[in-house]
C-alpha atoms as a PDB file:
ATOM      1  CA  MET A   1      -0.052  -0.005  -0.108  1.00  0.00           C
ATOM      2  CA  ASP A   2       1.479   3.330  -1.011  1.00  0.00           C
ATOM      3  CA  PRO A   3       2.074   5.345   2.160  1.00  0.00           C
ATOM      4  CA  HIS A   4       2.238   8.653   0.042  1.00  0.00           C
ATOM      5  CA  PRO A   5      -0.855   8.247  -2.380  1.00  0.00           C
ATOM      6  CA  ARG A   6      -0.823  11.858  -3.199  1.00  0.00           C
ATOM      7  CA  ALA A   7       1.880  14.729  -3.605  1.00  0.00           C
ATOM      8  CA  TYR A   8      -0.113  17.264  -1.632  1.00  0.00           C
ATOM      9  CA  PRO A   9       0.879  17.441   1.953  1.00  0.00           C
ATOM     10  CA  PRO A  10      -1.554  16.182   4.810  1.00  0.00           C
ATOM     11  CA  SER A  11      -3.291  19.007   6.517  1.00  0.00           C
ATOM     12  CA  LYS A  12      -2.248  19.538  10.059  1.00  0.00           C
ATOM     13  CA  ARG A  13      -5.046  21.833  10.625  1.00  0.00           C
ATOM     14  CA  LEU A  14      -7.316  18.663   9.908  1.00  0.00           C
ATOM     15  CA  GLY A  15      -5.256  16.515  11.953  1.00  0.00           C
ATOM     16  CA  GLN A  16      -4.472  14.164   9.157  1.00  0.00           C
ATOM     17  CA  ASN A  17      -2.697  10.848   9.777  1.00  0.00           C
ATOM     18  CA  PHE A  18      -3.479   8.160   7.392  1.00  0.00           C
ATOM     19  CA  LEU A  19      -3.526   4.395   8.038  1.00  0.00           C
ATOM     20  CA  ILE A  20      -1.157   2.531   5.869  1.00  0.00           C
ATOM     21  CA  GLU A  21      -1.168  -1.001   7.262  1.00  0.00           C
ATOM     22  CA  PRO A  22      -3.158  -3.416   5.463  1.00  0.00           C
ATOM     23  CA  ALA A  23      -3.631  -5.910   8.173  1.00  0.00           C
ATOM     24  CA  ILE A  24      -4.812  -3.307  10.676  1.00  0.00           C
ATOM     25  CA  ALA A  25      -7.261  -2.001   7.967  1.00  0.00           C
ATOM     26  CA  GLU A  26      -8.518  -5.569   7.468  1.00  0.00           C
ATOM     27  CA  GLN A  27      -8.855  -6.042  11.375  1.00  0.00           C
ATOM     28  CA  LEU A  28     -10.627  -2.706  11.652  1.00  0.00           C
ATOM     29  CA  VAL A  29     -13.184  -3.525   9.127  1.00  0.00           C
ATOM     30  CA  SER A  30     -13.804  -7.203  10.191  1.00  0.00           C
ATOM     31  CA  SER A  31     -14.383  -6.281  13.733  1.00  0.00           C
ATOM     32  CA  ILE A  32     -17.737  -4.812  12.764  1.00  0.00           C
ATOM     33  CA  VAL A  33     -18.576  -7.933  10.503  1.00  0.00           C
ATOM     34  CA  PRO A  34     -20.047  -5.961   7.573  1.00  0.00           C
ATOM     35  CA  SER A  35     -22.643  -7.634   5.396  1.00  0.00           C
ATOM     36  CA  SER A  36     -24.833  -7.005   2.482  1.00  0.00           C
ATOM     37  CA  SER A  37     -27.512  -5.852   4.680  1.00  0.00           C
ATOM     38  CA  ASP A  38     -25.404  -3.198   6.376  1.00  0.00           C
ATOM     39  CA  THR A  39     -25.150   0.534   5.811  1.00  0.00           C
ATOM     40  CA  VAL A  40     -21.613   1.338   7.066  1.00  0.00           C
ATOM     41  CA  LEU A  41     -20.887   5.058   7.936  1.00  0.00           C
ATOM     42  CA  GLU A  42     -16.951   6.170   7.482  1.00  0.00           C
ATOM     43  CA  PRO A  43     -16.156   9.497   8.809  1.00  0.00           C
ATOM     44  CA  GLY A  44     -12.899  10.620   7.511  1.00  0.00           C
ATOM     45  CA  PRO A  45     -12.129   8.218   4.832  1.00  0.00           C
ATOM     46  CA  GLY A  46      -8.930   9.902   3.747  1.00  0.00           C
ATOM     47  CA  HIS A  47      -7.368   8.212   0.713  1.00  0.00           C
ATOM     48  CA  GLY A  48      -9.843   5.386   1.018  1.00  0.00           C
ATOM     49  CA  THR A  49      -7.859   2.465   2.772  1.00  0.00           C
ATOM     50  CA  LEU A  50     -10.849   1.375   4.627  1.00  0.00           C
ATOM     51  CA  THR A  51     -13.337   2.468   2.117  1.00  0.00           C
ATOM     52  CA  ARG A  52     -11.877  -0.143  -0.553  1.00  0.00           C
ATOM     53  CA  LEU A  53     -12.464  -3.035   2.104  1.00  0.00           C
ATOM     54  CA  LEU A  54     -15.940  -1.776   3.057  1.00  0.00           C
ATOM     55  CA  VAL A  55     -17.251  -1.439  -0.432  1.00  0.00           C
ATOM     56  CA  ARG A  56     -16.433  -5.150  -0.794  1.00  0.00           C
ATOM     57  CA  TYR A  57     -18.492  -6.484   1.928  1.00  0.00           C
ATOM     58  CA  ALA A  58     -21.165  -3.991   3.009  1.00  0.00           C
ATOM     59  CA  GLY A  59     -24.385  -3.472   1.121  1.00  0.00           C
ATOM     60  CA  ARG A  60     -23.927   0.497   1.358  1.00  0.00           C
ATOM     61  CA  VAL A  61     -21.117   2.605   2.283  1.00  0.00           C
ATOM     62  CA  ILE A  62     -21.336   6.210   3.112  1.00  0.00           C
ATOM     63  CA  ALA A  63     -18.033   8.227   3.338  1.00  0.00           C
ATOM     64  CA  ILE A  64     -17.966  11.874   4.696  1.00  0.00           C
ATOM     65  CA  GLU A  65     -14.866  13.617   4.170  1.00  0.00           C
ATOM     66  CA  LYS A  66     -14.184  17.215   5.170  1.00  0.00           C
ATOM     67  CA  ASP A  67     -11.049  17.947   2.943  1.00  0.00           C
ATOM     68  CA  PRO A  68     -12.189  18.842  -0.456  1.00  0.00           C
ATOM     69  CA  ARG A  69      -8.962  17.580  -2.004  1.00  0.00           C
ATOM     70  CA  LEU A  70      -9.490  14.113  -0.703  1.00  0.00           C
ATOM     71  CA  VAL A  71     -13.094  14.211  -1.873  1.00  0.00           C
ATOM     72  CA  ASP A  72     -12.158  14.683  -5.398  1.00  0.00           C
ATOM     73  CA  GLU A  73      -9.650  12.069  -5.143  1.00  0.00           C
ATOM     74  CA  LEU A  74     -12.008   9.680  -3.666  1.00  0.00           C
ATOM     75  CA  ARG A  75     -14.862  10.415  -6.352  1.00  0.00           C
ATOM     76  CA  GLU A  76     -12.121   9.750  -8.874  1.00  0.00           C
ATOM     77  CA  LYS A  77     -10.844   6.506  -7.309  1.00  0.00           C
ATOM     78  CA  PHE A  78     -14.146   4.840  -6.752  1.00  0.00           C
ATOM     79  CA  ARG A  79     -16.016   6.337  -9.736  1.00  0.00           C
ATOM     80  CA  GLY A  80     -18.779   3.994 -10.724  1.00  0.00           C
ATOM     81  CA  GLN A  81     -18.962   2.135  -7.409  1.00  0.00           C
ATOM     82  CA  PRO A  82     -22.556   1.554  -6.983  1.00  0.00           C
ATOM     83  CA  ASN A  83     -22.730   0.878  -3.246  1.00  0.00           C
ATOM     84  CA  LEU A  84     -20.598   3.920  -2.282  1.00  0.00           C
ATOM     85  CA  THR A  85     -21.901   7.528  -1.558  1.00  0.00           C
ATOM     86  CA  ILE A  86     -19.116  10.087  -0.979  1.00  0.00           C
ATOM     87  CA  LEU A  87     -20.305  13.293   1.093  1.00  0.00           C
ATOM     88  CA  LYS A  88     -18.368  16.446   1.465  1.00  0.00           C
ATOM     89  CA  GLY A  89     -19.005  17.647   4.947  1.00  0.00           C
ATOM     90  CA  ASP A  90     -18.097  17.616   8.776  1.00  0.00           C
ATOM     91  CA  ILE A  91     -19.315  14.618  10.589  1.00  0.00           C
ATOM     92  CA  LEU A  92     -19.909  16.879  13.658  1.00  0.00           C
ATOM     93  CA  ARG A  93     -21.999  19.384  11.683  1.00  0.00           C
ATOM     94  CA  MET A  94     -24.460  17.233   9.740  1.00  0.00           C
ATOM     95  CA  GLY A  95     -27.565  18.151  11.869  1.00  0.00           C
ATOM     96  CA  GLN A  96     -30.687  16.929  10.341  1.00  0.00           C
ATOM     97  CA  ASP A  97     -28.864  15.876   7.170  1.00  0.00           C
ATOM     98  CA  PHE A  98     -27.113  13.023   9.166  1.00  0.00           C
ATOM     99  CA  PRO A  99     -27.456   9.822   7.176  1.00  0.00           C
ATOM    100  CA  TRP A 100     -28.955   6.610   8.645  1.00  0.00           C
ATOM    101  CA  PHE A 101     -26.493   3.947   9.327  1.00  0.00           C
ATOM    102  CA  ASN A 102     -26.121   0.882  11.393  1.00  0.00           C
ATOM    103  CA  LYS A 103     -22.425   0.305  11.589  1.00  0.00           C
ATOM    104  CA  LEU A 104     -19.455   2.717  11.629  1.00  0.00           C
ATOM    105  CA  VAL A 105     -15.668   2.409  11.003  1.00  0.00           C
ATOM    106  CA  SER A 106     -13.130   5.386  11.293  1.00  0.00           C
ATOM    107  CA  THR A 107      -9.765   6.536  11.955  1.00  0.00           C
ATOM    108  CA  PRO A 108     -10.717  10.069  13.015  1.00  0.00           C
ATOM    109  CA  PRO A 109      -8.379  13.022  13.592  1.00  0.00           C
ATOM    110  CA  TYR A 110      -7.410  12.888  17.478  1.00  0.00           C
ATOM    111  CA  TYR A 111      -8.966  16.386  18.020  1.00  0.00           C
ATOM    112  CA  ILE A 112     -12.549  15.365  17.414  1.00  0.00           C
ATOM    113  CA  SER A 113     -12.519  12.200  19.437  1.00  0.00           C
ATOM    114  CA  SER A 114     -14.562  13.374  22.485  1.00  0.00           C
ATOM    115  CA  LYS A 115     -17.090  14.977  20.277  1.00  0.00           C
ATOM    116  CA  LEU A 116     -17.426  11.840  18.043  1.00  0.00           C
ATOM    117  CA  VAL A 117     -17.980   9.552  21.153  1.00  0.00           C
ATOM    118  CA  LEU A 118     -20.601  11.862  22.340  1.00  0.00           C
ATOM    119  CA  LEU A 119     -22.338  12.082  19.167  1.00  0.00           C
ATOM    120  CA  LEU A 120     -22.406   8.342  18.980  1.00  0.00           C
ATOM    121  CA  ALA A 121     -23.916   8.228  22.353  1.00  0.00           C
ATOM    122  CA  GLY A 122     -26.890  10.086  21.054  1.00  0.00           C
ATOM    123  CA  LYS A 123     -27.300   7.631  18.037  1.00  0.00           C
ATOM    124  CA  LYS A 124     -29.116   4.181  17.562  1.00  0.00           C
ATOM    125  CA  PHE A 125     -26.664   1.768  15.777  1.00  0.00           C
ATOM    126  CA  ASP A 126     -25.503  -1.762  16.128  1.00  0.00           C
ATOM    127  CA  VAL A 127     -21.574  -1.270  16.416  1.00  0.00           C
ATOM    128  CA  ALA A 128     -18.611   0.871  15.750  1.00  0.00           C
ATOM    129  CA  ALA A 129     -15.036   0.270  15.271  1.00  0.00           C
ATOM    130  CA  VAL A 130     -12.886   3.493  15.848  1.00  0.00           C
ATOM    131  CA  VAL A 131      -9.290   4.130  16.283  1.00  0.00           C
ATOM    132  CA  PHE A 132      -8.507   6.885  19.002  1.00  0.00           C
ATOM    133  CA  GLN A 133      -5.155   8.083  20.634  1.00  0.00           C
ATOM    134  CA  LYS A 134      -4.204   5.446  23.045  1.00  0.00           C
ATOM    135  CA  GLU A 135      -4.430   8.009  26.063  1.00  0.00           C
ATOM    136  CA  PHE A 136      -7.908   8.797  25.122  1.00  0.00           C
ATOM    137  CA  GLY A 137      -8.906   5.384  24.795  1.00  0.00           C
ATOM    138  CA  GLU A 138      -7.624   4.742  28.466  1.00  0.00           C
ATOM    139  CA  ARG A 139      -9.808   7.485  29.667  1.00  0.00           C
ATOM    140  CA  LEU A 140     -12.715   6.121  27.799  1.00  0.00           C
ATOM    141  CA  LEU A 141     -12.212   2.749  29.187  1.00  0.00           C
ATOM    142  CA  ALA A 142     -11.358   3.774  32.907  1.00  0.00           C
ATOM    143  CA  GLU A 143     -13.103   2.290  35.839  1.00  0.00           C
ATOM    144  CA  PRO A 144     -14.474   4.206  38.954  1.00  0.00           C
ATOM    145  CA  GLY A 145     -11.411   4.639  41.506  1.00  0.00           C
ATOM    146  CA  THR A 146      -8.739   5.227  38.822  1.00  0.00           C
ATOM    147  CA  SER A 147      -7.023   8.152  38.040  1.00  0.00           C
ATOM    148  CA  ASP A 148      -8.246   8.149  34.237  1.00  0.00           C
ATOM    149  CA  TYR A 149     -12.072   7.887  35.411  1.00  0.00           C
ATOM    150  CA  GLY A 150     -13.944  11.134  34.740  1.00  0.00           C
ATOM    151  CA  ARG A 151     -16.391  13.059  32.980  1.00  0.00           C
ATOM    152  CA  LEU A 152     -15.526  11.538  29.568  1.00  0.00           C
ATOM    153  CA  SER A 153     -15.640   7.896  30.998  1.00  0.00           C
ATOM    154  CA  ILE A 154     -19.124   8.721  32.512  1.00  0.00           C
ATOM    155  CA  MET A 155     -20.793  10.570  29.897  1.00  0.00           C
ATOM    156  CA  ALA A 156     -19.684   8.190  27.232  1.00  0.00           C
ATOM    157  CA  ARG A 157     -20.230   4.837  29.020  1.00  0.00           C
ATOM    158  CA  ARG A 158     -23.577   5.863  30.439  1.00  0.00           C
ATOM    159  CA  LYS A 159     -24.979   4.909  27.128  1.00  0.00           C
ATOM    160  CA  LEU A 160     -22.287   2.988  25.177  1.00  0.00           C
ATOM    161  CA  ASP A 161     -20.535  -0.281  25.747  1.00  0.00           C
ATOM    162  CA  VAL A 162     -16.742   0.057  24.936  1.00  0.00           C
ATOM    163  CA  ALA A 163     -14.416  -2.677  24.628  1.00  0.00           C
ATOM    164  CA  LYS A 164     -10.529  -2.485  23.661  1.00  0.00           C
ATOM    165  CA  VAL A 165      -9.598  -4.671  20.497  1.00  0.00           C
ATOM    166  CA  ARG A 166      -5.872  -3.888  20.112  1.00  0.00           C
ATOM    167  CA  ASP A 167      -3.202  -1.313  20.539  1.00  0.00           C
ATOM    168  CA  ILE A 168      -1.846   0.024  17.299  1.00  0.00           C
ATOM    169  CA  SER A 169       1.798   1.489  16.829  1.00  0.00           C
ATOM    170  CA  ARG A 170       2.207   5.153  15.743  1.00  0.00           C
ATOM    171  CA  ASP A 171       4.347   3.446  12.735  1.00  0.00           C
ATOM    172  CA  ALA A 172       0.986   2.347  11.221  1.00  0.00           C
ATOM    173  CA  PHE A 173       0.228   5.952  10.173  1.00  0.00           C
ATOM    174  CA  ARG A 174       1.759   8.474   7.915  1.00  0.00           C
ATOM    175  CA  PRO A 175       2.534  11.146   8.635  1.00  0.00           C
ATOM    176  CA  ARG A 176       3.659   9.292  11.765  1.00  0.00           C
ATOM    177  CA  PRO A 177       1.833  10.732  14.987  1.00  0.00           C
ATOM    178  CA  LYS A 178       4.023  11.239  18.141  1.00  0.00           C
ATOM    179  CA  VAL A 179       1.464   8.998  20.140  1.00  0.00           C
ATOM    180  CA  ASP A 180       0.350   5.301  19.704  1.00  0.00           C
ATOM    181  CA  SER A 181      -3.392   4.504  19.057  1.00  0.00           C
ATOM    182  CA  VAL A 182      -6.026   2.040  20.145  1.00  0.00           C
ATOM    183  CA  LEU A 183      -8.722   0.191  18.158  1.00  0.00           C
ATOM    184  CA  LEU A 184     -11.978   0.145  20.300  1.00  0.00           C
ATOM    185  CA  GLN A 185     -15.347  -1.438  19.482  1.00  0.00           C
ATOM    186  CA  ILE A 186     -18.317   0.469  20.534  1.00  0.00           C
ATOM    187  CA  SER A 187     -22.068  -0.190  20.679  1.00  0.00           C
ATOM    188  CA  PRO A 188     -25.202   1.346  22.334  1.00  0.00           C
ATOM    189  CA  LYS A 189     -26.157  -0.221  25.757  1.00  0.00           C
ATOM    190  CA  HIS A 190     -29.532  -2.065  25.593  1.00  0.00           C
ATOM    191  CA  GLN A 191     -30.931  -0.429  28.547  1.00  0.00           C
ATOM    192  CA  VAL A 192     -30.302   3.065  29.889  1.00  0.00           C
ATOM    193  CA  ALA A 193     -31.633   4.501  33.058  1.00  0.00           C
ATOM    194  CA  GLU A 194     -34.435   7.059  32.423  1.00  0.00           C
ATOM    195  CA  ILE A 195     -33.228  10.296  34.250  1.00  0.00           C
ATOM    196  CA  ASP A 196     -33.194  14.060  33.387  1.00  0.00           C
ATOM    197  CA  GLU A 197     -30.169  14.145  31.103  1.00  0.00           C
ATOM    198  CA  LEU A 198     -29.363  17.976  32.027  1.00  0.00           C
ATOM    199  CA  VAL A 199     -29.357  17.180  35.778  1.00  0.00           C
ATOM    200  CA  PHE A 200     -27.083  14.363  35.351  1.00  0.00           C
ATOM    201  CA  GLU A 201     -24.761  16.173  33.136  1.00  0.00           C
ATOM    202  CA  GLU A 202     -24.737  19.311  35.307  1.00  0.00           C
ATOM    203  CA  LEU A 203     -24.074  17.296  38.399  1.00  0.00           C
ATOM    204  CA  VAL A 204     -21.067  15.280  36.799  1.00  0.00           C
ATOM    205  CA  ARG A 205     -19.598  18.499  35.568  1.00  0.00           C
ATOM    206  CA  GLY A 206     -20.178  20.349  38.910  1.00  0.00           C
ATOM    207  CA  ILE A 207     -18.691  17.594  41.193  1.00  0.00           C
ATOM    208  CA  PHE A 208     -15.730  16.204  39.115  1.00  0.00           C
ATOM    209  CA  THR A 209     -13.974  19.536  39.389  1.00  0.00           C
ATOM    210  CA  GLN A 210     -13.424  18.339  42.815  1.00  0.00           C
ATOM    211  CA  ARG A 211     -12.838  14.729  41.919  1.00  0.00           C
ATOM    212  CA  ARG A 212     -10.715  13.931  45.124  1.00  0.00           C
ATOM    213  CA  ARG A 213     -13.230  15.286  47.832  1.00  0.00           C
ATOM    214  CA  LEU A 214     -15.618  13.294  49.732  1.00  0.00           C
ATOM    215  CA  ILE A 215     -19.033  13.376  47.827  1.00  0.00           C
ATOM    216  CA  LYS A 216     -20.700  15.022  50.553  1.00  0.00           C
ATOM    217  CA  SER A 217     -18.381  18.044  50.504  1.00  0.00           C
ATOM    218  CA  ALA A 218     -18.268  18.395  46.731  1.00  0.00           C
ATOM    219  CA  LEU A 219     -22.031  18.210  46.490  1.00  0.00           C
ATOM    220  CA  ALA A 220     -22.562  20.782  49.047  1.00  0.00           C
ATOM    221  CA  HIS A 221     -20.372  23.298  47.221  1.00  0.00           C
ATOM    222  CA  TYR A 222     -22.105  22.281  43.843  1.00  0.00           C
ATOM    223  CA  LEU A 223     -25.780  22.653  45.274  1.00  0.00           C
ATOM    224  CA  ARG A 224     -24.870  25.987  47.107  1.00  0.00           C
ATOM    225  CA  LEU A 225     -23.538  27.394  43.765  1.00  0.00           C
ATOM    226  CA  LYS A 226     -26.500  26.253  41.997  1.00  0.00           C
ATOM    227  CA  TYR A 227     -29.341  26.903  44.320  1.00  0.00           C
ATOM    228  CA  GLY A 228     -28.042  29.176  46.835  1.00  0.00           C
ATOM    229  CA  HIS A 229     -26.619  28.571  50.253  1.00  0.00           C
ATOM    230  CA  ALA A 230     -29.930  28.006  52.017  1.00  0.00           C
ATOM    231  CA  LYS A 231     -31.795  25.995  49.382  1.00  0.00           C
ATOM    232  CA  GLY A 232     -28.452  24.109  48.768  1.00  0.00           C
ATOM    233  CA  ASN A 233     -28.053  22.866  52.378  1.00  0.00           C
ATOM    234  CA  THR A 234     -31.904  21.982  52.490  1.00  0.00           C
ATOM    235  CA  LEU A 235     -31.492  19.763  49.405  1.00  0.00           C
ATOM    236  CA  LEU A 236     -28.198  18.343  50.789  1.00  0.00           C
ATOM    237  CA  ARG A 237     -30.053  16.978  53.928  1.00  0.00           C
ATOM    238  CA  ARG A 238     -32.712  15.266  51.827  1.00  0.00           C
ATOM    239  CA  LEU A 239     -30.092  13.108  50.019  1.00  0.00           C
ATOM    240  CA  SER A 240     -28.617   9.731  51.042  1.00  0.00           C
ATOM    241  CA  LEU A 241     -24.906   9.899  50.305  1.00  0.00           C
ATOM    242  CA  PRO A 242     -22.284   7.068  50.026  1.00  0.00           C
ATOM    243  CA  GLU A 243     -19.190   7.410  51.991  1.00  0.00           C
ATOM    244  CA  ALA A 244     -17.035   7.698  48.957  1.00  0.00           C
ATOM    245  CA  ARG A 245     -14.859  10.312  47.102  1.00  0.00           C
ATOM    246  CA  VAL A 246     -16.375  11.774  43.780  1.00  0.00           C
ATOM    247  CA  TYR A 247     -14.001   9.750  41.508  1.00  0.00           C
ATOM    248  CA  GLN A 248     -15.098   6.544  43.067  1.00  0.00           C
ATOM    249  CA  LEU A 249     -18.769   6.783  42.281  1.00  0.00           C
ATOM    250  CA  THR A 250     -20.141   4.331  39.751  1.00  0.00           C
ATOM    251  CA  ILE A 251     -22.266   5.468  36.794  1.00  0.00           C
ATOM    252  CA  ASP A 252     -25.205   3.670  38.729  1.00  0.00           C
ATOM    253  CA  GLU A 253     -24.533   5.712  41.743  1.00  0.00           C
ATOM    254  CA  LEU A 254     -24.271   8.965  39.780  1.00  0.00           C
ATOM    255  CA  GLU A 255     -27.476   8.289  38.043  1.00  0.00           C
ATOM    256  CA  ASN A 256     -29.258   7.541  41.401  1.00  0.00           C
ATOM    257  CA  LEU A 257     -27.868  10.722  42.914  1.00  0.00           C
ATOM    258  CA  SER A 258     -29.119  12.927  39.978  1.00  0.00           C
ATOM    259  CA  LEU A 259     -32.397  11.254  40.291  1.00  0.00           C
ATOM    260  CA  GLU A 260     -32.506  12.030  44.147  1.00  0.00           C
ATOM    261  CA  ILE A 261     -31.361  15.705  43.349  1.00  0.00           C
ATOM    262  CA  TRP A 262     -33.961  16.078  40.657  1.00  0.00           C
ATOM    263  CA  ARG A 263     -36.886  14.765  42.962  1.00  0.00           C
ATOM    264  CA  ALA A 264     -35.596  16.896  45.962  1.00  0.00           C
ATOM    265  CA  ALA A 265     -35.483  19.968  43.821  1.00  0.00           C
ATOM    266  CA  SER A 266     -39.051  19.278  42.526  1.00  0.00           C
ATOM    267  CA  ASP A 267     -40.541  18.663  46.090  1.00  0.00           C
ATOM    268  CA  GLU A 268     -38.702  21.791  47.456  1.00  0.00           C
ATOM    269  CA  LEU A 269     -40.172  23.874  44.393  1.00  0.00           C
ATOM    270  CA  ALA A 270     -43.563  22.345  45.004  1.00  0.00           C
ATOM    271  CA  SER A 271     -43.725  23.047  48.796  1.00  0.00           C
ATOM    272  CA  THR A 272     -42.524  26.640  48.158  1.00  0.00           C
ATOM    273  CA  ASN A 273     -45.230  27.205  45.672  1.00  0.00           C
ATOM    274  CA  LEU A 274     -47.899  25.779  48.029  1.00  0.00           C
ATOM    275  CA  LYS A 275     -46.930  28.110  50.945  1.00  0.00           C
ATOM    276  CA  PRO A 276     -49.631  30.698  51.394  1.00  0.00           C
ATOM    277  CA  SER A 277     -48.595  34.328  50.339  1.00  0.00           C
ATOM    278  CA  THR A 278     -48.483  36.746  53.101  1.00  0.00           C
END
């Protein structure tokens, strides 16, 4: 496989590092088990290394490329390919034009990793295989009580199952990045707790700025900032809190806590509104 398919230089602004190892490309594609009944989305197809494999096995492939130079190259390279649609655009800004898919494969620029994962957390699909910077992958996979566990781990894995497939050397890309990568397999959870998403997100953001503090201390600070000192203290007394530090809380515990806060705040608002005016 030619590591330099085109004379023009990769774009640093777009974070372009192209996969050049055929064996890794094969493993990436095979990890989603594409079939004739699948519509596979490929954000950032680059020079078409994965695209060439996907069109062999998938019923339909939708490649979305931001770089107009690569869009032209791909359309020329895959001219007449009936099961391939090449779109020029930004995967993060498709809005209502976001195409339906049930599987996804990508080696995206590192700088969009968080936004891409959170985008997937809001989509319905079967499975995705995505290559990330290794450090990012470790944060995504982190368990409660570890140094890498934080907002990313929680917000993504509340809705997604994430599994490590393999590490990938930086030598598998051109230009060669400064860090190694990891291939992750991602799929939506079958069951997700029904809670107020905004309350949960605000809670996680608010208390994880003090991740090493005891949950009672961190939560007191958060509630007082959000609701005022008096109401924050009132809400705090209504909550049953575990004896743990913030970074030790599981996703289930955080979901239960956000639900408790929502109920306590709703009850407090109702009781305030029912008080007779003087």
